[in-house]
Amino acid sequence: MQPSSRIAQEDPRAAKMRLRAEALARRAGLADADHAEASARAAQNAPRLLHYVDGRVVSLFAPFRDEIDTAPLAALLWSQGARVALPVVVGRDLPLLFRLWRPGDPLEPVGAYRIPTPPPSAPEVVPDDLIVPLAAFDRRGYRIGYGAGHYDRTLDRLRAVKRVRAFGYAFSCQEVAAVPHEPHDEPVDGMITEVDVFSCGGT
């Protein structure tokens, strides 16, 4: 049975749980040196999709556990004149908000997972571009997150009021044949990995 056929026969939530677990296991299997090298290569690939970012607000994410390291990308964005922001979780069922993060600004560990976050004194901004974390992705731009739905709600809200670009950012080992998508799922416009970048149609 082909992977896409198997997914079609599964309940979408069950399929997402399985694909998430498989992709995260592959990510966790990366050696530390490979993790660091791949993170650096992904940052070098990013301008091929992001292009001109001078003056644009680009939201990153602070890596959690063995997520791809975004520090090399942050340094690149700052060097190219981007205004870098980080997300803030407001509530379980609410969209994210974003606070400006400038070079040297301290970050505060927040929430149960102690994720580094700008302090409340940091200016709130609205992103032009979002670099989106994920557990798994496919070539159509559909992604599997971690189950809370924060980015789906956030992208739905932002896309209703302005043109924003969203790019998944992950290791190539997290790619899957097909992500089962549901009506609330918001696809990304492109994917950036250490191997390649590509635009997505979201269909």
C-alpha atoms as a PDB file:
ATOM      1  CA  MET A   1       0.000   0.000   0.000  1.00  0.00           C
ATOM      2  CA  GLN A   2       1.351   3.436  -0.931  1.00  0.00           C
ATOM      3  CA  PRO A   3       1.830   5.932   1.957  1.00  0.00           C
ATOM      4  CA  SER A   4      -0.796   8.292   0.508  1.00  0.00           C
ATOM      5  CA  SER A   5      -3.315   5.426   0.265  1.00  0.00           C
ATOM      6  CA  ARG A   6      -2.698   4.449   3.839  1.00  0.00           C
ATOM      7  CA  ILE A   7      -3.217   8.011   5.035  1.00  0.00           C
ATOM      8  CA  ALA A   8      -6.464   8.266   3.057  1.00  0.00           C
ATOM      9  CA  GLN A   9      -7.859   5.294   4.971  1.00  0.00           C
ATOM     10  CA  GLU A  10      -6.850   6.629   8.385  1.00  0.00           C
ATOM     11  CA  ASP A  11      -8.699   9.102  10.520  1.00  0.00           C
ATOM     12  CA  PRO A  12      -6.895  12.437   9.852  1.00  0.00           C
ATOM     13  CA  ARG A  13      -6.061  12.999  13.505  1.00  0.00           C
ATOM     14  CA  ALA A  14      -4.731   9.478  13.928  1.00  0.00           C
ATOM     15  CA  ALA A  15      -2.659   9.839  10.763  1.00  0.00           C
ATOM     16  CA  LYS A  16      -1.244  13.150  11.976  1.00  0.00           C
ATOM     17  CA  MET A  17      -0.287  11.630  15.310  1.00  0.00           C
ATOM     18  CA  ARG A  18       1.508   8.761  13.581  1.00  0.00           C
ATOM     19  CA  LEU A  19       3.309  10.985  11.081  1.00  0.00           C
ATOM     20  CA  ARG A  20       4.278  13.434  13.823  1.00  0.00           C
ATOM     21  CA  ALA A  21       5.792  10.681  15.949  1.00  0.00           C
ATOM     22  CA  GLU A  22       7.713   9.213  13.005  1.00  0.00           C
ATOM     23  CA  ALA A  23       9.104  12.578  11.864  1.00  0.00           C
ATOM     24  CA  LEU A  24      10.079  13.622  15.386  1.00  0.00           C
ATOM     25  CA  ALA A  25      11.884  10.315  15.883  1.00  0.00           C
ATOM     26  CA  ARG A  26      13.933  10.974  12.748  1.00  0.00           C
ATOM     27  CA  ARG A  27      14.703  14.503  13.929  1.00  0.00           C
ATOM     28  CA  ALA A  28      15.745  13.271  17.367  1.00  0.00           C
ATOM     29  CA  GLY A  29      18.130  10.819  15.703  1.00  0.00           C
ATOM     30  CA  LEU A  30      20.298  13.586  14.245  1.00  0.00           C
ATOM     31  CA  ALA A  31      23.742  13.753  15.814  1.00  0.00           C
ATOM     32  CA  ASP A  32      24.654  17.081  17.453  1.00  0.00           C
ATOM     33  CA  ALA A  33      27.193  17.912  14.743  1.00  0.00           C
ATOM     34  CA  ASP A  34      24.717  17.119  11.982  1.00  0.00           C
ATOM     35  CA  HIS A  35      22.058  19.221  13.757  1.00  0.00           C
ATOM     36  CA  ALA A  36      24.343  22.258  13.911  1.00  0.00           C
ATOM     37  CA  GLU A  37      25.609  21.882  10.341  1.00  0.00           C
ATOM     38  CA  ALA A  38      22.120  21.403   8.924  1.00  0.00           C
ATOM     39  CA  SER A  39      20.811  24.431  10.853  1.00  0.00           C
ATOM     40  CA  ALA A  40      23.572  26.589   9.372  1.00  0.00           C
ATOM     41  CA  ARG A  41      22.884  25.315   5.834  1.00  0.00           C
ATOM     42  CA  ALA A  42      19.149  25.992   6.185  1.00  0.00           C
ATOM     43  CA  ALA A  43      19.880  29.607   7.136  1.00  0.00           C
ATOM     44  CA  GLN A  44      22.085  29.954   4.042  1.00  0.00           C
ATOM     45  CA  ASN A  45      19.235  28.618   1.889  1.00  0.00           C
ATOM     46  CA  ALA A  46      16.577  30.940   3.337  1.00  0.00           C
ATOM     47  CA  PRO A  47      17.277  34.021   1.144  1.00  0.00           C
ATOM     48  CA  ARG A  48      16.329  31.983  -1.928  1.00  0.00           C
ATOM     49  CA  LEU A  49      12.688  32.236  -0.751  1.00  0.00           C
ATOM     50  CA  LEU A  50      12.723  35.277   1.509  1.00  0.00           C
ATOM     51  CA  HIS A  51      14.573  37.543  -0.971  1.00  0.00           C
ATOM     52  CA  TYR A  52      14.522  41.214   0.102  1.00  0.00           C
ATOM     53  CA  VAL A  53      13.789  41.579   3.834  1.00  0.00           C
ATOM     54  CA  ASP A  54      15.188  45.027   4.632  1.00  0.00           C
ATOM     55  CA  GLY A  55      12.604  46.758   6.838  1.00  0.00           C
ATOM     56  CA  ARG A  56      10.234  43.786   6.859  1.00  0.00           C
ATOM     57  CA  VAL A  57       9.051  42.205  10.119  1.00  0.00           C
ATOM     58  CA  VAL A  58      10.088  38.556  10.067  1.00  0.00           C
ATOM     59  CA  SER A  59       8.837  36.309  12.846  1.00  0.00           C
ATOM     60  CA  LEU A  60      11.143  33.483  13.914  1.00  0.00           C
ATOM     61  CA  PHE A  61      10.685  30.944  16.688  1.00  0.00           C
ATOM     62  CA  ALA A  62      12.944  30.038  19.596  1.00  0.00           C
ATOM     63  CA  PRO A  63      13.847  26.368  19.083  1.00  0.00           C
ATOM     64  CA  PHE A  64      12.363  23.892  21.534  1.00  0.00           C
ATOM     65  CA  ARG A  65      14.197  20.654  22.375  1.00  0.00           C
ATOM     66  CA  ASP A  66      15.746  19.344  19.134  1.00  0.00           C
ATOM     67  CA  GLU A  67      14.039  21.740  16.709  1.00  0.00           C
ATOM     68  CA  ILE A  68      16.193  23.292  14.021  1.00  0.00           C
ATOM     69  CA  ASP A  69      18.360  26.086  15.446  1.00  0.00           C
ATOM     70  CA  THR A  70      17.106  29.498  14.324  1.00  0.00           C
ATOM     71  CA  ALA A  71      20.080  31.498  15.679  1.00  0.00           C
ATOM     72  CA  PRO A  72      21.979  31.401  12.349  1.00  0.00           C
ATOM     73  CA  LEU A  73      18.874  32.624  10.531  1.00  0.00           C
ATOM     74  CA  ALA A  74      18.303  35.402  13.081  1.00  0.00           C
ATOM     75  CA  ALA A  75      21.868  36.639  12.553  1.00  0.00           C
ATOM     76  CA  LEU A  76      21.397  36.597   8.779  1.00  0.00           C
ATOM     77  CA  LEU A  77      18.088  38.471   8.970  1.00  0.00           C
ATOM     78  CA  TRP A  78      19.514  41.164  11.238  1.00  0.00           C
ATOM     79  CA  SER A  79      22.471  41.592   8.868  1.00  0.00           C
ATOM     80  CA  GLN A  80      20.034  42.157   5.995  1.00  0.00           C
ATOM     81  CA  GLY A  81      17.997  44.800   7.811  1.00  0.00           C
ATOM     82  CA  ALA A  82      14.986  42.728   8.853  1.00  0.00           C
ATOM     83  CA  ARG A  83      13.058  43.493  12.026  1.00  0.00           C
ATOM     84  CA  VAL A  84      12.981  40.148  13.811  1.00  0.00           C
ATOM     85  CA  ALA A  85      10.109  39.149  16.087  1.00  0.00           C
ATOM     86  CA  LEU A  86       9.315  36.147  18.243  1.00  0.00           C
ATOM     87  CA  PRO A  87       5.863  34.698  19.014  1.00  0.00           C
ATOM     88  CA  VAL A  88       4.128  34.926  22.353  1.00  0.00           C
ATOM     89  CA  VAL A  89       1.452  32.436  23.406  1.00  0.00           C
ATOM     90  CA  VAL A  90      -1.470  34.433  24.809  1.00  0.00           C
ATOM     91  CA  GLY A  91      -3.868  31.582  25.534  1.00  0.00           C
ATOM     92  CA  ARG A  92      -4.620  28.016  24.543  1.00  0.00           C
ATOM     93  CA  ASP A  93      -7.235  28.810  21.884  1.00  0.00           C
ATOM     94  CA  LEU A  94      -6.005  32.240  20.828  1.00  0.00           C
ATOM     95  CA  PRO A  95      -3.777  33.442  17.976  1.00  0.00           C
ATOM     96  CA  LEU A  96      -0.187  34.284  18.758  1.00  0.00           C
ATOM     97  CA  LEU A  97       1.043  37.811  19.176  1.00  0.00           C
ATOM     98  CA  PHE A  98       4.557  38.908  18.212  1.00  0.00           C
ATOM     99  CA  ARG A  99       7.128  41.035  19.999  1.00  0.00           C
ATOM    100  CA  LEU A 100      10.199  42.650  18.507  1.00  0.00           C
ATOM    101  CA  TRP A 101      13.532  40.970  19.257  1.00  0.00           C
ATOM    102  CA  ARG A 102      16.658  43.029  18.657  1.00  0.00           C
ATOM    103  CA  PRO A 103      20.277  41.847  18.846  1.00  0.00           C
ATOM    104  CA  GLY A 104      21.323  41.599  22.488  1.00  0.00           C
ATOM    105  CA  ASP A 105      17.794  41.811  23.876  1.00  0.00           C
ATOM    106  CA  PRO A 106      17.309  39.358  26.751  1.00  0.00           C
ATOM    107  CA  LEU A 107      14.693  36.654  26.430  1.00  0.00           C
ATOM    108  CA  GLU A 108      12.616  35.283  29.281  1.00  0.00           C
ATOM    109  CA  PRO A 109      11.637  31.600  29.632  1.00  0.00           C
ATOM    110  CA  VAL A 110       7.837  31.475  29.624  1.00  0.00           C
ATOM    111  CA  GLY A 111       5.203  28.778  30.049  1.00  0.00           C
ATOM    112  CA  ALA A 112       5.352  25.137  30.957  1.00  0.00           C
ATOM    113  CA  TYR A 113       8.058  24.482  28.345  1.00  0.00           C
ATOM    114  CA  ARG A 114      10.124  27.547  29.348  1.00  0.00           C
ATOM    115  CA  ILE A 115      10.428  28.775  25.765  1.00  0.00           C
ATOM    116  CA  PRO A 116      12.535  31.963  25.423  1.00  0.00           C
ATOM    117  CA  THR A 117      10.232  34.912  24.772  1.00  0.00           C
ATOM    118  CA  PRO A 118      10.696  38.712  24.591  1.00  0.00           C
ATOM    119  CA  PRO A 119       9.542  40.498  27.745  1.00  0.00           C
ATOM    120  CA  PRO A 120       6.211  42.379  27.864  1.00  0.00           C
ATOM    121  CA  SER A 121       8.158  45.630  27.459  1.00  0.00           C
ATOM    122  CA  ALA A 122       9.235  44.637  23.927  1.00  0.00           C
ATOM    123  CA  PRO A 123       7.162  46.368  21.229  1.00  0.00           C
ATOM    124  CA  GLU A 124       4.329  44.340  19.724  1.00  0.00           C
ATOM    125  CA  VAL A 125       4.541  44.037  15.933  1.00  0.00           C
ATOM    126  CA  VAL A 126       2.621  42.422  13.076  1.00  0.00           C
ATOM    127  CA  PRO A 127       4.737  40.123  10.893  1.00  0.00           C
ATOM    128  CA  ASP A 128       5.135  40.448   7.151  1.00  0.00           C
ATOM    129  CA  ASP A 129       6.818  37.051   6.977  1.00  0.00           C
ATOM    130  CA  LEU A 130       6.517  34.113   9.370  1.00  0.00           C
ATOM    131  CA  ILE A 131       9.074  31.361   9.822  1.00  0.00           C
ATOM    132  CA  VAL A 132       6.928  28.521  11.108  1.00  0.00           C
ATOM    133  CA  PRO A 133       8.002  25.563  13.270  1.00  0.00           C
ATOM    134  CA  LEU A 134       6.641  22.104  12.586  1.00  0.00           C
ATOM    135  CA  ALA A 135       6.915  18.419  13.268  1.00  0.00           C
ATOM    136  CA  ALA A 136       6.298  17.199   9.701  1.00  0.00           C
ATOM    137  CA  PHE A 137       5.579  18.665   6.257  1.00  0.00           C
ATOM    138  CA  ASP A 138       4.764  17.713   2.696  1.00  0.00           C
ATOM    139  CA  ARG A 139       5.466  19.257  -0.713  1.00  0.00           C
ATOM    140  CA  ARG A 140       2.036  20.905  -0.908  1.00  0.00           C
ATOM    141  CA  GLY A 141       2.773  23.135   2.082  1.00  0.00           C
ATOM    142  CA  TYR A 142       0.701  21.280   4.634  1.00  0.00           C
ATOM    143  CA  ARG A 143       2.370  20.849   7.976  1.00  0.00           C
ATOM    144  CA  ILE A 144       1.827  19.007  11.207  1.00  0.00           C
ATOM    145  CA  GLY A 145       2.510  21.096  14.281  1.00  0.00           C
ATOM    146  CA  TYR A 146       2.429  20.026  17.879  1.00  0.00           C
ATOM    147  CA  GLY A 147      -1.326  19.896  18.302  1.00  0.00           C
ATOM    148  CA  ALA A 148      -2.202  23.282  19.808  1.00  0.00           C
ATOM    149  CA  GLY A 149      -3.180  24.964  16.536  1.00  0.00           C
ATOM    150  CA  HIS A 150      -1.546  28.302  17.352  1.00  0.00           C
ATOM    151  CA  TYR A 151      -0.128  28.904  13.884  1.00  0.00           C
ATOM    152  CA  ASP A 152      -3.290  27.839  12.069  1.00  0.00           C
ATOM    153  CA  ARG A 153      -5.310  30.384  14.056  1.00  0.00           C
ATOM    154  CA  THR A 154      -2.613  33.028  13.652  1.00  0.00           C
ATOM    155  CA  LEU A 155      -2.266  32.611   9.896  1.00  0.00           C
ATOM    156  CA  ASP A 156      -6.031  32.598   9.447  1.00  0.00           C
ATOM    157  CA  ARG A 157      -6.288  35.896  11.310  1.00  0.00           C
ATOM    158  CA  LEU A 158      -3.338  37.570   9.567  1.00  0.00           C
ATOM    159  CA  ARG A 159      -4.315  36.434   6.067  1.00  0.00           C
ATOM    160  CA  ALA A 160      -7.764  37.926   6.572  1.00  0.00           C
ATOM    161  CA  VAL A 161      -6.340  41.422   6.964  1.00  0.00           C
ATOM    162  CA  LYS A 162      -3.063  41.593   4.997  1.00  0.00           C
ATOM    163  CA  ARG A 163      -0.728  39.783   2.635  1.00  0.00           C
ATOM    164  CA  VAL A 164       1.698  37.739   4.674  1.00  0.00           C
ATOM    165  CA  ARG A 165       4.149  35.028   3.671  1.00  0.00           C
ATOM    166  CA  ALA A 166       4.633  31.916   5.780  1.00  0.00           C
ATOM    167  CA  PHE A 167       7.543  29.523   5.383  1.00  0.00           C
ATOM    168  CA  GLY A 168       8.045  26.247   7.163  1.00  0.00           C
ATOM    169  CA  TYR A 169      11.536  25.810   8.634  1.00  0.00           C
ATOM    170  CA  ALA A 170      12.747  22.340   9.470  1.00  0.00           C
ATOM    171  CA  PHE A 171      15.156  19.531   8.660  1.00  0.00           C
ATOM    172  CA  SER A 172      14.647  17.580   5.444  1.00  0.00           C
ATOM    173  CA  CYS A 173      14.207  14.362   7.457  1.00  0.00           C
ATOM    174  CA  GLN A 174      10.853  15.731   8.643  1.00  0.00           C
ATOM    175  CA  GLU A 175       9.308  15.546   5.164  1.00  0.00           C
ATOM    176  CA  VAL A 176       6.477  13.042   4.662  1.00  0.00           C
ATOM    177  CA  ALA A 177       4.681  11.892   1.519  1.00  0.00           C
ATOM    178  CA  ALA A 178       1.365  13.574   2.343  1.00  0.00           C
ATOM    179  CA  VAL A 179      -0.084  15.366   5.352  1.00  0.00           C
ATOM    180  CA  PRO A 180      -3.814  14.774   5.827  1.00  0.00           C
ATOM    181  CA  HIS A 181      -5.345  18.229   5.972  1.00  0.00           C
ATOM    182  CA  GLU A 182      -8.524  19.426   7.615  1.00  0.00           C
ATOM    183  CA  PRO A 183     -10.571  22.589   6.927  1.00  0.00           C
ATOM    184  CA  HIS A 184      -8.827  24.578   9.665  1.00  0.00           C
ATOM    185  CA  ASP A 185      -5.305  23.780   8.445  1.00  0.00           C
ATOM    186  CA  GLU A 186      -3.413  26.753   7.005  1.00  0.00           C
ATOM    187  CA  PRO A 187      -0.697  25.755   4.512  1.00  0.00           C
ATOM    188  CA  VAL A 188       2.637  27.530   4.309  1.00  0.00           C
ATOM    189  CA  ASP A 189       3.756  29.307   1.149  1.00  0.00           C
ATOM    190  CA  GLY A 190       7.091  27.537   1.023  1.00  0.00           C
ATOM    191  CA  MET A 191       9.531  25.307   2.855  1.00  0.00           C
ATOM    192  CA  ILE A 192      13.133  25.902   3.877  1.00  0.00           C
ATOM    193  CA  THR A 193      15.398  23.006   4.833  1.00  0.00           C
ATOM    194  CA  GLU A 194      19.126  22.345   4.810  1.00  0.00           C
ATOM    195  CA  VAL A 195      18.760  20.491   1.506  1.00  0.00           C
ATOM    196  CA  ASP A 196      16.496  22.739  -0.528  1.00  0.00           C
ATOM    197  CA  VAL A 197      13.810  25.411  -0.605  1.00  0.00           C
ATOM    198  CA  PHE A 198      10.588  25.237  -2.567  1.00  0.00           C
ATOM    199  CA  SER A 199       7.356  27.138  -3.019  1.00  0.00           C
ATOM    200  CA  CYS A 200       4.048  25.449  -2.248  1.00  0.00           C
ATOM    201  CA  GLY A 201       0.648  25.738  -3.829  1.00  0.00           C
ATOM    202  CA  GLY A 202      -1.273  24.701  -0.726  1.00  0.00           C
ATOM    203  CA  THR A 203      -3.441  22.254  -2.663  1.00  0.00           C
END
